[in-house]
């Protein structure tokens, strides 16, 4: 996996660990003593990022728009949705957009069940 978090884990037992956030626009891992994944496996410590490296997937019905590069790795881009909404001090519309997008992040997993 190519992604490395820029933020330290959020230690759930420490109320002030949110203060250690380096970049609010990037993913922050959760800091658990132990974790049980959706398959019932016990993981000691925090789980790693669970996400697809879509730049390595070869589709059957899309054409490459362009090749992007980050941290020395090349990614084929098939459809560029544009930049995400970011938290920027003083940008009121950006904050509204960010809140809406963040609400989707919390809503979509609610569609999953124990059999997924």
PDB file of N, CA and C in Angstrom:
ATOM      1  N   UNK A   1       0.849  -1.173   0.000  1.00  0.00           N
ATOM      2  CA  UNK A   1       0.000   0.000   0.000  1.00  0.00           C
ATOM      3  C   UNK A   1       0.895   1.237   0.000  1.00  0.00           C
ATOM      4  N   UNK A   2       0.512   2.233  -0.762  1.00  0.00           N
ATOM      5  CA  UNK A   2       1.340   3.405  -0.959  1.00  0.00           C
ATOM      6  C   UNK A   2       1.056   4.541   0.020  1.00  0.00           C
ATOM      7  N   UNK A   3      -0.126   4.563   0.646  1.00  0.00           N
ATOM      8  CA  UNK A   3      -0.518   5.703   1.482  1.00  0.00           C
ATOM      9  C   UNK A   3       0.063   5.590   2.890  1.00  0.00           C
ATOM     10  N   UNK A   4       0.606   6.673   3.385  1.00  0.00           N
ATOM     11  CA  UNK A   4       1.066   6.767   4.766  1.00  0.00           C
ATOM     12  C   UNK A   4       0.377   7.967   5.405  1.00  0.00           C
ATOM     13  N   UNK A   5      -0.230   7.799   6.587  1.00  0.00           N
ATOM     14  CA  UNK A   5      -0.923   8.918   7.219  1.00  0.00           C
ATOM     15  C   UNK A   5       0.043  10.022   7.640  1.00  0.00           C
ATOM     16  N   UNK A   6      -0.412  11.258   7.512  1.00  0.00           N
ATOM     17  CA  UNK A   6       0.390  12.404   7.963  1.00  0.00           C
ATOM     18  C   UNK A   6       0.007  12.808   9.385  1.00  0.00           C
ATOM     19  N   UNK A   7      -1.121  12.304   9.866  1.00  0.00           N
ATOM     20  CA  UNK A   7      -1.582  12.612  11.220  1.00  0.00           C
ATOM     21  C   UNK A   7      -1.287  11.448  12.159  1.00  0.00           C
ATOM     22  N   UNK A   8      -0.952  11.770  13.405  1.00  0.00           N
ATOM     23  CA  UNK A   8      -0.762  10.748  14.424  1.00  0.00           C
ATOM     24  C   UNK A   8      -2.129  10.141  14.752  1.00  0.00           C
ATOM     25  N   UNK A   9      -2.138   8.901  15.273  1.00  0.00           N
ATOM     26  CA  UNK A   9      -3.423   8.287  15.624  1.00  0.00           C
ATOM     27  C   UNK A   9      -4.182   9.095  16.676  1.00  0.00           C
ATOM     28  N   UNK A  10      -5.504   9.094  16.552  1.00  0.00           N
ATOM     29  CA  UNK A  10      -6.387   9.693  17.551  1.00  0.00           C
ATOM     30  C   UNK A  10      -6.545   8.670  18.668  1.00  0.00           C
ATOM     31  N   UNK A  11      -5.945   8.947  19.819  1.00  0.00           N
ATOM     32  CA  UNK A  11      -6.016   8.034  20.959  1.00  0.00           C
ATOM     33  C   UNK A  11      -7.379   8.235  21.615  1.00  0.00           C
ATOM     34  N   UNK A  12      -8.232   7.244  21.476  1.00  0.00           N
ATOM     35  CA  UNK A  12      -9.626   7.386  21.893  1.00  0.00           C
ATOM     36  C   UNK A  12      -9.791   7.557  23.394  1.00  0.00           C
ATOM     37  N   UNK A  13      -8.841   7.068  24.175  1.00  0.00           N
ATOM     38  CA  UNK A  13      -8.936   7.194  25.629  1.00  0.00           C
ATOM     39  C   UNK A  13      -8.424   8.547  26.135  1.00  0.00           C
ATOM     40  N   UNK A  14      -7.865   9.377  25.240  1.00  0.00           N
ATOM     41  CA  UNK A  14      -7.338  10.684  25.633  1.00  0.00           C
ATOM     42  C   UNK A  14      -8.129  11.789  24.940  1.00  0.00           C
ATOM     43  N   UNK A  15      -8.873  12.553  25.700  1.00  0.00           N
ATOM     44  CA  UNK A  15      -9.743  13.579  25.134  1.00  0.00           C
ATOM     45  C   UNK A  15      -8.977  14.652  24.363  1.00  0.00           C
ATOM     46  N   UNK A  16      -7.738  14.932  24.737  1.00  0.00           N
ATOM     47  CA  UNK A  16      -7.003  16.020  24.101  1.00  0.00           C
ATOM     48  C   UNK A  16      -6.118  15.563  22.936  1.00  0.00           C
ATOM     49  N   UNK A  17      -6.228  14.302  22.503  1.00  0.00           N
ATOM     50  CA  UNK A  17      -5.359  13.836  21.419  1.00  0.00           C
ATOM     51  C   UNK A  17      -5.734  14.448  20.074  1.00  0.00           C
ATOM     52  N   UNK A  18      -6.927  15.024  19.945  1.00  0.00           N
ATOM     53  CA  UNK A  18      -7.315  15.696  18.698  1.00  0.00           C
ATOM     54  C   UNK A  18      -6.429  16.913  18.451  1.00  0.00           C
ATOM     55  N   UNK A  19      -5.849  17.466  19.500  1.00  0.00           N
ATOM     56  CA  UNK A  19      -4.981  18.640  19.380  1.00  0.00           C
ATOM     57  C   UNK A  19      -3.730  18.308  18.557  1.00  0.00           C
ATOM     58  N   UNK A  20      -3.327  17.046  18.535  1.00  0.00           N
ATOM     59  CA  UNK A  20      -2.116  16.651  17.821  1.00  0.00           C
ATOM     60  C   UNK A  20      -2.346  16.485  16.311  1.00  0.00           C
ATOM     61  N   UNK A  21      -3.505  16.869  15.816  1.00  0.00           N
ATOM     62  CA  UNK A  21      -3.817  16.736  14.394  1.00  0.00           C
ATOM     63  C   UNK A  21      -2.916  17.647  13.577  1.00  0.00           C
ATOM     64  N   UNK A  22      -2.142  17.068  12.666  1.00  0.00           N
ATOM     65  CA  UNK A  22      -1.221  17.838  11.831  1.00  0.00           C
ATOM     66  C   UNK A  22      -1.930  18.516  10.663  1.00  0.00           C
ATOM     67  N   UNK A  23      -2.870  17.814  10.035  1.00  0.00           N
ATOM     68  CA  UNK A  23      -3.565  18.329   8.855  1.00  0.00           C
ATOM     69  C   UNK A  23      -5.018  17.868   8.889  1.00  0.00           C
ATOM     70  N   UNK A  24      -5.974  18.771   9.149  1.00  0.00           N
ATOM     71  CA  UNK A  24      -7.385  18.370   9.244  1.00  0.00           C
ATOM     72  C   UNK A  24      -7.968  17.906   7.910  1.00  0.00           C
ATOM     73  N   UNK A  25      -7.256  18.113   6.828  1.00  0.00           N
ATOM     74  CA  UNK A  25      -7.740  17.693   5.513  1.00  0.00           C
ATOM     75  C   UNK A  25      -7.231  16.310   5.115  1.00  0.00           C
ATOM     76  N   UNK A  26      -6.566  15.625   6.021  1.00  0.00           N
ATOM     77  CA  UNK A  26      -6.041  14.289   5.739  1.00  0.00           C
ATOM     78  C   UNK A  26      -6.570  13.299   6.769  1.00  0.00           C
ATOM     79  N   UNK A  27      -6.530  12.029   6.408  1.00  0.00           N
ATOM     80  CA  UNK A  27      -7.038  10.955   7.255  1.00  0.00           C
ATOM     81  C   UNK A  27      -6.244  10.852   8.547  1.00  0.00           C
ATOM     82  N   UNK A  28      -6.957  10.572   9.648  1.00  0.00           N
ATOM     83  CA  UNK A  28      -6.305  10.342  10.938  1.00  0.00           C
ATOM     84  C   UNK A  28      -6.679   8.941  11.420  1.00  0.00           C
ATOM     85  N   UNK A  29      -5.678   8.081  11.626  1.00  0.00           N
ATOM     86  CA  UNK A  29      -5.978   6.741  12.135  1.00  0.00           C
ATOM     87  C   UNK A  29      -6.526   6.811  13.559  1.00  0.00           C
ATOM     88  N   UNK A  30      -7.281   5.798  13.946  1.00  0.00           N
ATOM     89  CA  UNK A  30      -7.791   5.706  15.311  1.00  0.00           C
ATOM     90  C   UNK A  30      -6.847   4.846  16.130  1.00  0.00           C
ATOM     91  N   UNK A  31      -6.571   5.273  17.347  1.00  0.00           N
ATOM     92  CA  UNK A  31      -5.650   4.555  18.225  1.00  0.00           C
ATOM     93  C   UNK A  31      -6.396   3.681  19.215  1.00  0.00           C
ATOM     94  N   UNK A  32      -6.422   2.381  18.955  1.00  0.00           N
ATOM     95  CA  UNK A  32      -7.053   1.404  19.841  1.00  0.00           C
ATOM     96  C   UNK A  32      -5.976   0.611  20.572  1.00  0.00           C
ATOM     97  N   UNK A  33      -6.310   0.089  21.766  1.00  0.00           N
ATOM     98  CA  UNK A  33      -5.426  -0.885  22.414  1.00  0.00           C
ATOM     99  C   UNK A  33      -5.560  -2.215  21.684  1.00  0.00           C
ATOM    100  N   UNK A  34      -6.798  -2.551  21.332  1.00  0.00           N
ATOM    101  CA  UNK A  34      -7.084  -3.730  20.527  1.00  0.00           C
ATOM    102  C   UNK A  34      -8.325  -3.459  19.703  1.00  0.00           C
ATOM    103  N   UNK A  35      -8.482  -4.204  18.620  1.00  0.00           N
ATOM    104  CA  UNK A  35      -9.530  -3.925  17.648  1.00  0.00           C
ATOM    105  C   UNK A  35     -10.026  -5.250  17.101  1.00  0.00           C
ATOM    106  N   UNK A  36     -11.336  -5.386  16.925  1.00  0.00           N
ATOM    107  CA  UNK A  36     -11.905  -6.580  16.302  1.00  0.00           C
ATOM    108  C   UNK A  36     -12.464  -6.167  14.952  1.00  0.00           C
ATOM    109  N   UNK A  37     -11.929  -6.740  13.877  1.00  0.00           N
ATOM    110  CA  UNK A  37     -12.365  -6.351  12.538  1.00  0.00           C
ATOM    111  C   UNK A  37     -13.720  -6.973  12.197  1.00  0.00           C
ATOM    112  N   UNK A  38     -14.250  -6.658  11.008  1.00  0.00           N
ATOM    113  CA  UNK A  38     -15.595  -7.110  10.653  1.00  0.00           C
ATOM    114  C   UNK A  38     -15.679  -8.625  10.466  1.00  0.00           C
ATOM    115  N   UNK A  39     -14.546  -9.304  10.399  1.00  0.00           N
ATOM    116  CA  UNK A  39     -14.531 -10.764  10.301  1.00  0.00           C
ATOM    117  C   UNK A  39     -14.345 -11.420  11.663  1.00  0.00           C
ATOM    118  N   UNK A  40     -14.254 -10.614  12.718  1.00  0.00           N
ATOM    119  CA  UNK A  40     -14.112 -11.137  14.062  1.00  0.00           C
ATOM    120  C   UNK A  40     -12.677 -11.394  14.485  1.00  0.00           C
ATOM    121  N   UNK A  41     -11.700 -10.945  13.697  1.00  0.00           N
ATOM    122  CA  UNK A  41     -10.289 -11.136  14.035  1.00  0.00           C
ATOM    123  C   UNK A  41      -9.830 -10.077  15.032  1.00  0.00           C
ATOM    124  N   UNK A  42      -9.146 -10.521  16.075  1.00  0.00           N
ATOM    125  CA  UNK A  42      -8.599  -9.607  17.066  1.00  0.00           C
ATOM    126  C   UNK A  42      -7.282  -9.044  16.544  1.00  0.00           C
ATOM    127  N   UNK A  43      -7.164  -7.717  16.526  1.00  0.00           N
ATOM    128  CA  UNK A  43      -5.949  -7.040  16.106  1.00  0.00           C
ATOM    129  C   UNK A  43      -5.450  -6.247  17.303  1.00  0.00           C
ATOM    130  N   UNK A  44      -4.227  -6.518  17.731  1.00  0.00           N
ATOM    131  CA  UNK A  44      -3.639  -5.772  18.838  1.00  0.00           C
ATOM    132  C   UNK A  44      -3.089  -4.476  18.262  1.00  0.00           C
ATOM    133  N   UNK A  45      -3.486  -3.348  18.839  1.00  0.00           N
ATOM    134  CA  UNK A  45      -3.092  -2.044  18.318  1.00  0.00           C
ATOM    135  C   UNK A  45      -4.111  -1.543  17.316  1.00  0.00           C
ATOM    136  N   UNK A  46      -3.758  -0.515  16.618  1.00  0.00           N
ATOM    137  CA  UNK A  46      -4.681   0.136  15.689  1.00  0.00           C
ATOM    138  C   UNK A  46      -4.708  -0.574  14.345  1.00  0.00           C
ATOM    139  N   UNK A  47      -5.878  -0.611  13.708  1.00  0.00           N
ATOM    140  CA  UNK A  47      -5.948  -1.188  12.362  1.00  0.00           C
ATOM    141  C   UNK A  47      -5.279  -0.259  11.359  1.00  0.00           C
ATOM    142  N   UNK A  48      -4.756  -0.832  10.295  1.00  0.00           N
ATOM    143  CA  UNK A  48      -4.161  -0.011   9.245  1.00  0.00           C
ATOM    144  C   UNK A  48      -5.255   0.508   8.323  1.00  0.00           C
ATOM    145  N   UNK A  49      -4.885   1.407   7.437  1.00  0.00           N
ATOM    146  CA  UNK A  49      -5.829   1.973   6.482  1.00  0.00           C
ATOM    147  C   UNK A  49      -6.432   0.857   5.636  1.00  0.00           C
ATOM    148  N   UNK A  50      -7.745   0.856   5.520  1.00  0.00           N
ATOM    149  CA  UNK A  50      -8.427  -0.097   4.662  1.00  0.00           C
ATOM    150  C   UNK A  50      -8.968   0.688   3.478  1.00  0.00           C
ATOM    151  N   UNK A  51      -8.301   0.594   2.374  1.00  0.00           N
ATOM    152  CA  UNK A  51      -8.710   1.331   1.191  1.00  0.00           C
ATOM    153  C   UNK A  51      -8.082   0.728  -0.042  1.00  0.00           C
ATOM    154  N   UNK A  52      -8.714   0.955  -1.152  1.00  0.00           N
ATOM    155  CA  UNK A  52      -8.214   0.396  -2.404  1.00  0.00           C
ATOM    156  C   UNK A  52      -7.164   1.305  -3.016  1.00  0.00           C
ATOM    157  N   UNK A  53      -6.190   0.716  -3.639  1.00  0.00           N
ATOM    158  CA  UNK A  53      -5.214   1.453  -4.433  1.00  0.00           C
ATOM    159  C   UNK A  53      -5.743   1.437  -5.868  1.00  0.00           C
ATOM    160  N   UNK A  54      -6.723   2.269  -6.142  1.00  0.00           N
ATOM    161  CA  UNK A  54      -7.402   2.235  -7.442  1.00  0.00           C
ATOM    162  C   UNK A  54      -6.481   2.556  -8.601  1.00  0.00           C
ATOM    163  N   UNK A  55      -5.361   3.214  -8.338  1.00  0.00           N
ATOM    164  CA  UNK A  55      -4.419   3.505  -9.410  1.00  0.00           C
ATOM    165  C   UNK A  55      -3.776   2.269  -9.993  1.00  0.00           C
ATOM    166  N   UNK A  56      -3.858   1.144  -9.285  1.00  0.00           N
ATOM    167  CA  UNK A  56      -3.271  -0.101  -9.763  1.00  0.00           C
ATOM    168  C   UNK A  56      -4.286  -1.016 -10.435  1.00  0.00           C
ATOM    169  N   UNK A  57      -5.552  -0.617 -10.453  1.00  0.00           N
ATOM    170  CA  UNK A  57      -6.605  -1.443 -11.053  1.00  0.00           C
ATOM    171  C   UNK A  57      -6.682  -1.158 -12.553  1.00  0.00           C
ATOM    172  N   UNK A  58      -6.772  -2.209 -13.356  1.00  0.00           N
ATOM    173  CA  UNK A  58      -6.908  -2.049 -14.806  1.00  0.00           C
ATOM    174  C   UNK A  58      -8.376  -2.291 -15.169  1.00  0.00           C
ATOM    175  N   UNK A  59      -9.092  -1.238 -15.569  1.00  0.00           N
ATOM    176  CA  UNK A  59     -10.513  -1.403 -15.899  1.00  0.00           C
ATOM    177  C   UNK A  59     -10.686  -2.006 -17.293  1.00  0.00           C
ATOM    178  N   UNK A  60     -11.893  -2.490 -17.564  1.00  0.00           N
ATOM    179  CA  UNK A  60     -12.161  -3.088 -18.868  1.00  0.00           C
ATOM    180  C   UNK A  60     -12.899  -2.141 -19.810  1.00  0.00           C
ATOM    181  N   UNK A  61     -13.480  -1.044 -19.289  1.00  0.00           N
ATOM    182  CA  UNK A  61     -14.308  -0.202 -20.151  1.00  0.00           C
ATOM    183  C   UNK A  61     -13.981   1.286 -20.059  1.00  0.00           C
ATOM    184  N   UNK A  62     -12.862   1.647 -19.488  1.00  0.00           N
ATOM    185  CA  UNK A  62     -12.488   3.052 -19.361  1.00  0.00           C
ATOM    186  C   UNK A  62     -11.158   3.296 -20.055  1.00  0.00           C
ATOM    187  N   UNK A  63     -11.004   4.508 -20.539  1.00  0.00           N
ATOM    188  CA  UNK A  63      -9.737   4.905 -21.146  1.00  0.00           C
ATOM    189  C   UNK A  63      -9.011   5.864 -20.212  1.00  0.00           C
ATOM    190  N   UNK A  64      -7.689   5.803 -20.210  1.00  0.00           N
ATOM    191  CA  UNK A  64      -6.882   6.661 -19.348  1.00  0.00           C
ATOM    192  C   UNK A  64      -7.007   8.109 -19.813  1.00  0.00           C
ATOM    193  N   UNK A  65      -7.343   9.006 -18.865  1.00  0.00           N
ATOM    194  CA  UNK A  65      -7.367  10.442 -19.157  1.00  0.00           C
ATOM    195  C   UNK A  65      -5.966  11.027 -19.050  1.00  0.00           C
ATOM    196  N   UNK A  66      -5.265  10.661 -17.973  1.00  0.00           N
ATOM    197  CA  UNK A  66      -3.882  11.098 -17.790  1.00  0.00           C
ATOM    198  C   UNK A  66      -3.234  10.268 -16.697  1.00  0.00           C
ATOM    199  N   UNK A  67      -1.915  10.378 -16.574  1.00  0.00           N
ATOM    200  CA  UNK A  67      -1.151   9.681 -15.548  1.00  0.00           C
ATOM    201  C   UNK A  67      -0.748  10.702 -14.487  1.00  0.00           C
ATOM    202  N   UNK A  68      -1.088  10.416 -13.226  1.00  0.00           N
ATOM    203  CA  UNK A  68      -0.706  11.277 -12.112  1.00  0.00           C
ATOM    204  C   UNK A  68       0.460  10.617 -11.374  1.00  0.00           C
ATOM    205  N   UNK A  69       1.216  11.424 -10.650  1.00  0.00           N
ATOM    206  CA  UNK A  69       2.351  10.901  -9.889  1.00  0.00           C
ATOM    207  C   UNK A  69       2.361  11.551  -8.514  1.00  0.00           C
ATOM    208  N   UNK A  70       2.529  10.722  -7.481  1.00  0.00           N
ATOM    209  CA  UNK A  70       2.646  11.238  -6.117  1.00  0.00           C
ATOM    210  C   UNK A  70       3.590  10.338  -5.339  1.00  0.00           C
ATOM    211  N   UNK A  71       4.524  10.928  -4.668  1.00  0.00           N
ATOM    212  CA  UNK A  71       5.487  10.201  -3.836  1.00  0.00           C
ATOM    213  C   UNK A  71       6.220   9.111  -4.613  1.00  0.00           C
ATOM    214  N   UNK A  72       6.503   9.368  -5.884  1.00  0.00           N
ATOM    215  CA  UNK A  72       7.256   8.421  -6.695  1.00  0.00           C
ATOM    216  C   UNK A  72       6.438   7.304  -7.315  1.00  0.00           C
ATOM    217  N   UNK A  73       5.121   7.309  -7.142  1.00  0.00           N
ATOM    218  CA  UNK A  73       4.259   6.284  -7.707  1.00  0.00           C
ATOM    219  C   UNK A  73       3.359   6.906  -8.769  1.00  0.00           C
ATOM    220  N   UNK A  74       3.180   6.202  -9.881  1.00  0.00           N
ATOM    221  CA  UNK A  74       2.310   6.674 -10.954  1.00  0.00           C
ATOM    222  C   UNK A  74       0.930   6.036 -10.821  1.00  0.00           C
ATOM    223  N   UNK A  75      -0.108   6.834 -11.088  1.00  0.00           N
ATOM    224  CA  UNK A  75      -1.490   6.383 -11.025  1.00  0.00           C
ATOM    225  C   UNK A  75      -2.189   6.759 -12.318  1.00  0.00           C
ATOM    226  N   UNK A  76      -2.875   5.808 -12.925  1.00  0.00           N
ATOM    227  CA  UNK A  76      -3.681   6.104 -14.110  1.00  0.00           C
ATOM    228  C   UNK A  76      -4.985   6.738 -13.654  1.00  0.00           C
ATOM    229  N   UNK A  77      -5.337   7.872 -14.235  1.00  0.00           N
ATOM    230  CA  UNK A  77      -6.581   8.568 -13.895  1.00  0.00           C
ATOM    231  C   UNK A  77      -7.549   8.369 -15.054  1.00  0.00           C
ATOM    232  N   UNK A  78      -8.707   7.821 -14.746  1.00  0.00           N
ATOM    233  CA  UNK A  78      -9.710   7.528 -15.772  1.00  0.00           C
ATOM    234  C   UNK A  78     -10.816   8.577 -15.771  1.00  0.00           C
ATOM    235  N   UNK A  79     -11.195   9.052 -14.597  1.00  0.00           N
ATOM    236  CA  UNK A  79     -12.199  10.113 -14.477  1.00  0.00           C
ATOM    237  C   UNK A  79     -11.818  10.941 -13.267  1.00  0.00           C
ATOM    238  N   UNK A  80     -11.461  12.186 -13.497  1.00  0.00           N
ATOM    239  CA  UNK A  80     -11.013  13.057 -12.420  1.00  0.00           C
ATOM    240  C   UNK A  80     -12.205  13.838 -11.863  1.00  0.00           C
ATOM    241  N   UNK A  81     -12.623  13.550 -10.615  1.00  0.00           N
ATOM    242  CA  UNK A  81     -13.761  14.270 -10.039  1.00  0.00           C
ATOM    243  C   UNK A  81     -13.395  15.666  -9.545  1.00  0.00           C
ATOM    244  N   UNK A  82     -12.126  16.020  -9.613  1.00  0.00           N
ATOM    245  CA  UNK A  82     -11.696  17.327  -9.124  1.00  0.00           C
ATOM    246  C   UNK A  82     -11.237  17.249  -7.685  1.00  0.00           C
ATOM    247  N   UNK A  83     -10.777  18.356  -7.192  1.00  0.00           N
ATOM    248  CA  UNK A  83     -10.267  18.414  -5.819  1.00  0.00           C
ATOM    249  C   UNK A  83     -11.410  18.310  -4.810  1.00  0.00           C
ATOM    250  N   UNK A  84     -11.166  17.673  -3.672  1.00  0.00           N
ATOM    251  CA  UNK A  84     -12.202  17.603  -2.638  1.00  0.00           C
ATOM    252  C   UNK A  84     -12.335  18.945  -1.918  1.00  0.00           C
ATOM    253  N   UNK A  85     -13.440  19.103  -1.202  1.00  0.00           N
ATOM    254  CA  UNK A  85     -13.608  20.282  -0.359  1.00  0.00           C
ATOM    255  C   UNK A  85     -12.635  20.173   0.809  1.00  0.00           C
ATOM    256  N   UNK A  86     -11.965  21.276   1.126  1.00  0.00           N
ATOM    257  CA  UNK A  86     -10.980  21.283   2.197  1.00  0.00           C
ATOM    258  C   UNK A  86     -11.353  22.314   3.256  1.00  0.00           C
ATOM    259  N   UNK A  87     -10.854  22.098   4.459  1.00  0.00           N
ATOM    260  CA  UNK A  87     -11.023  23.088   5.513  1.00  0.00           C
ATOM    261  C   UNK A  87      -9.981  24.180   5.322  1.00  0.00           C
ATOM    262  N   UNK A  88     -10.442  25.402   5.071  1.00  0.00           N
ATOM    263  CA  UNK A  88      -9.563  26.547   4.890  1.00  0.00           C
ATOM    264  C   UNK A  88     -10.133  27.681   5.739  1.00  0.00           C
ATOM    265  N   UNK A  89      -9.321  28.263   6.589  1.00  0.00           N
ATOM    266  CA  UNK A  89      -9.773  29.344   7.466  1.00  0.00           C
ATOM    267  C   UNK A  89     -10.375  30.486   6.657  1.00  0.00           C
ATOM    268  N   UNK A  90     -11.591  30.885   7.015  1.00  0.00           N
ATOM    269  CA  UNK A  90     -12.258  32.014   6.371  1.00  0.00           C
ATOM    270  C   UNK A  90     -13.093  31.656   5.152  1.00  0.00           C
ATOM    271  N   UNK A  91     -13.044  30.412   4.678  1.00  0.00           N
ATOM    272  CA  UNK A  91     -13.805  29.997   3.497  1.00  0.00           C
ATOM    273  C   UNK A  91     -15.142  29.406   3.949  1.00  0.00           C
ATOM    274  N   UNK A  92     -16.189  30.241   4.011  1.00  0.00           N
ATOM    275  CA  UNK A  92     -17.486  29.816   4.538  1.00  0.00           C
ATOM    276  C   UNK A  92     -18.126  28.765   3.638  1.00  0.00           C
ATOM    277  N   UNK A  93     -18.159  28.982   2.313  1.00  0.00           N
ATOM    278  CA  UNK A  93     -18.763  27.995   1.411  1.00  0.00           C
ATOM    279  C   UNK A  93     -17.968  26.694   1.428  1.00  0.00           C
ATOM    280  N   UNK A  94     -16.653  26.796   1.518  1.00  0.00           N
ATOM    281  CA  UNK A  94     -15.826  25.592   1.615  1.00  0.00           C
ATOM    282  C   UNK A  94     -16.156  24.792   2.859  1.00  0.00           C
ATOM    283  N   UNK A  95     -16.460  25.470   3.979  1.00  0.00           N
ATOM    284  CA  UNK A  95     -16.836  24.790   5.213  1.00  0.00           C
ATOM    285  C   UNK A  95     -18.169  24.076   5.047  1.00  0.00           C
ATOM    286  N   UNK A  96     -19.125  24.709   4.394  1.00  0.00           N
ATOM    287  CA  UNK A  96     -20.425  24.080   4.127  1.00  0.00           C
ATOM    288  C   UNK A  96     -20.234  22.831   3.273  1.00  0.00           C
ATOM    289  N   UNK A  97     -19.436  22.945   2.204  1.00  0.00           N
ATOM    290  CA  UNK A  97     -19.169  21.810   1.324  1.00  0.00           C
ATOM    291  C   UNK A  97     -18.451  20.694   2.078  1.00  0.00           C
ATOM    292  N   UNK A  98     -17.476  21.066   2.912  1.00  0.00           N
ATOM    293  CA  UNK A  98     -16.728  20.078   3.682  1.00  0.00           C
ATOM    294  C   UNK A  98     -17.670  19.313   4.617  1.00  0.00           C
ATOM    295  N   UNK A  99     -18.548  20.030   5.318  1.00  0.00           N
ATOM    296  CA  UNK A  99     -19.485  19.380   6.243  1.00  0.00           C
ATOM    297  C   UNK A  99     -20.398  18.411   5.502  1.00  0.00           C
ATOM    298  N   UNK A 100     -20.871  18.802   4.313  1.00  0.00           N
ATOM    299  CA  UNK A 100     -21.749  17.932   3.536  1.00  0.00           C
ATOM    300  C   UNK A 100     -20.998  16.660   3.122  1.00  0.00           C
ATOM    301  N   UNK A 101     -19.773  16.825   2.603  1.00  0.00           N
ATOM    302  CA  UNK A 101     -18.981  15.668   2.205  1.00  0.00           C
ATOM    303  C   UNK A 101     -18.653  14.778   3.398  1.00  0.00           C
ATOM    304  N   UNK A 102     -18.327  15.377   4.533  1.00  0.00           N
ATOM    305  CA  UNK A 102     -18.006  14.600   5.726  1.00  0.00           C
ATOM    306  C   UNK A 102     -19.226  13.824   6.203  1.00  0.00           C
ATOM    307  N   UNK A 103     -20.411  14.435   6.091  1.00  0.00           N
ATOM    308  CA  UNK A 103     -21.633  13.721   6.501  1.00  0.00           C
ATOM    309  C   UNK A 103     -21.847  12.476   5.647  1.00  0.00           C
ATOM    310  N   UNK A 104     -21.434  12.519   4.372  1.00  0.00           N
ATOM    311  CA  UNK A 104     -21.542  11.332   3.527  1.00  0.00           C
ATOM    312  C   UNK A 104     -20.608  10.225   4.003  1.00  0.00           C
ATOM    313  N   UNK A 105     -19.420  10.610   4.487  1.00  0.00           N
ATOM    314  CA  UNK A 105     -18.462   9.625   4.991  1.00  0.00           C
ATOM    315  C   UNK A 105     -19.067   8.884   6.177  1.00  0.00           C
ATOM    316  N   UNK A 106     -19.818   9.574   7.017  1.00  0.00           N
ATOM    317  CA  UNK A 106     -20.428   8.924   8.177  1.00  0.00           C
ATOM    318  C   UNK A 106     -21.708   8.186   7.814  1.00  0.00           C
ATOM    319  N   UNK A 107     -22.415   8.619   6.758  1.00  0.00           N
ATOM    320  CA  UNK A 107     -23.688   7.991   6.383  1.00  0.00           C
ATOM    321  C   UNK A 107     -23.511   6.702   5.584  1.00  0.00           C
ATOM    322  N   UNK A 108     -22.582   6.677   4.663  1.00  0.00           N
ATOM    323  CA  UNK A 108     -22.450   5.507   3.789  1.00  0.00           C
ATOM    324  C   UNK A 108     -22.169   4.209   4.526  1.00  0.00           C
ATOM    325  N   UNK A 109     -21.300   4.193   5.545  1.00  0.00           N
ATOM    326  CA  UNK A 109     -21.093   2.920   6.260  1.00  0.00           C
ATOM    327  C   UNK A 109     -22.355   2.421   6.966  1.00  0.00           C
ATOM    328  N   UNK A 110     -23.316   3.292   7.230  1.00  0.00           N
ATOM    329  CA  UNK A 110     -24.547   2.855   7.892  1.00  0.00           C
ATOM    330  C   UNK A 110     -25.357   1.913   7.018  1.00  0.00           C
ATOM    331  N   UNK A 111     -25.035   1.856   5.723  1.00  0.00           N
ATOM    332  CA  UNK A 111     -25.726   0.944   4.807  1.00  0.00           C
ATOM    333  C   UNK A 111     -25.158  -0.464   4.868  1.00  0.00           C
ATOM    334  N   UNK A 112     -24.040  -0.654   5.584  1.00  0.00           N
ATOM    335  CA  UNK A 112     -23.425  -1.969   5.699  1.00  0.00           C
ATOM    336  C   UNK A 112     -24.066  -2.755   6.828  1.00  0.00           C
ATOM    337  N   UNK A 113     -24.108  -4.048   6.658  1.00  0.00           N
ATOM    338  CA  UNK A 113     -24.618  -4.927   7.699  1.00  0.00           C
ATOM    339  C   UNK A 113     -23.558  -5.948   8.068  1.00  0.00           C
ATOM    340  N   UNK A 114     -23.875  -6.801   9.043  1.00  0.00           N
ATOM    341  CA  UNK A 114     -22.907  -7.799   9.486  1.00  0.00           C
ATOM    342  C   UNK A 114     -22.597  -8.847   8.425  1.00  0.00           C
ATOM    343  N   UNK A 115     -23.468  -8.980   7.420  1.00  0.00           N
ATOM    344  CA  UNK A 115     -23.218  -9.975   6.367  1.00  0.00           C
ATOM    345  C   UNK A 115     -22.414  -9.413   5.197  1.00  0.00           C
ATOM    346  N   UNK A 116     -22.070  -8.119   5.236  1.00  0.00           N
ATOM    347  CA  UNK A 116     -21.296  -7.517   4.130  1.00  0.00           C
ATOM    348  C   UNK A 116     -19.834  -7.874   4.219  1.00  0.00           C
TER     349      UNK A 116
END
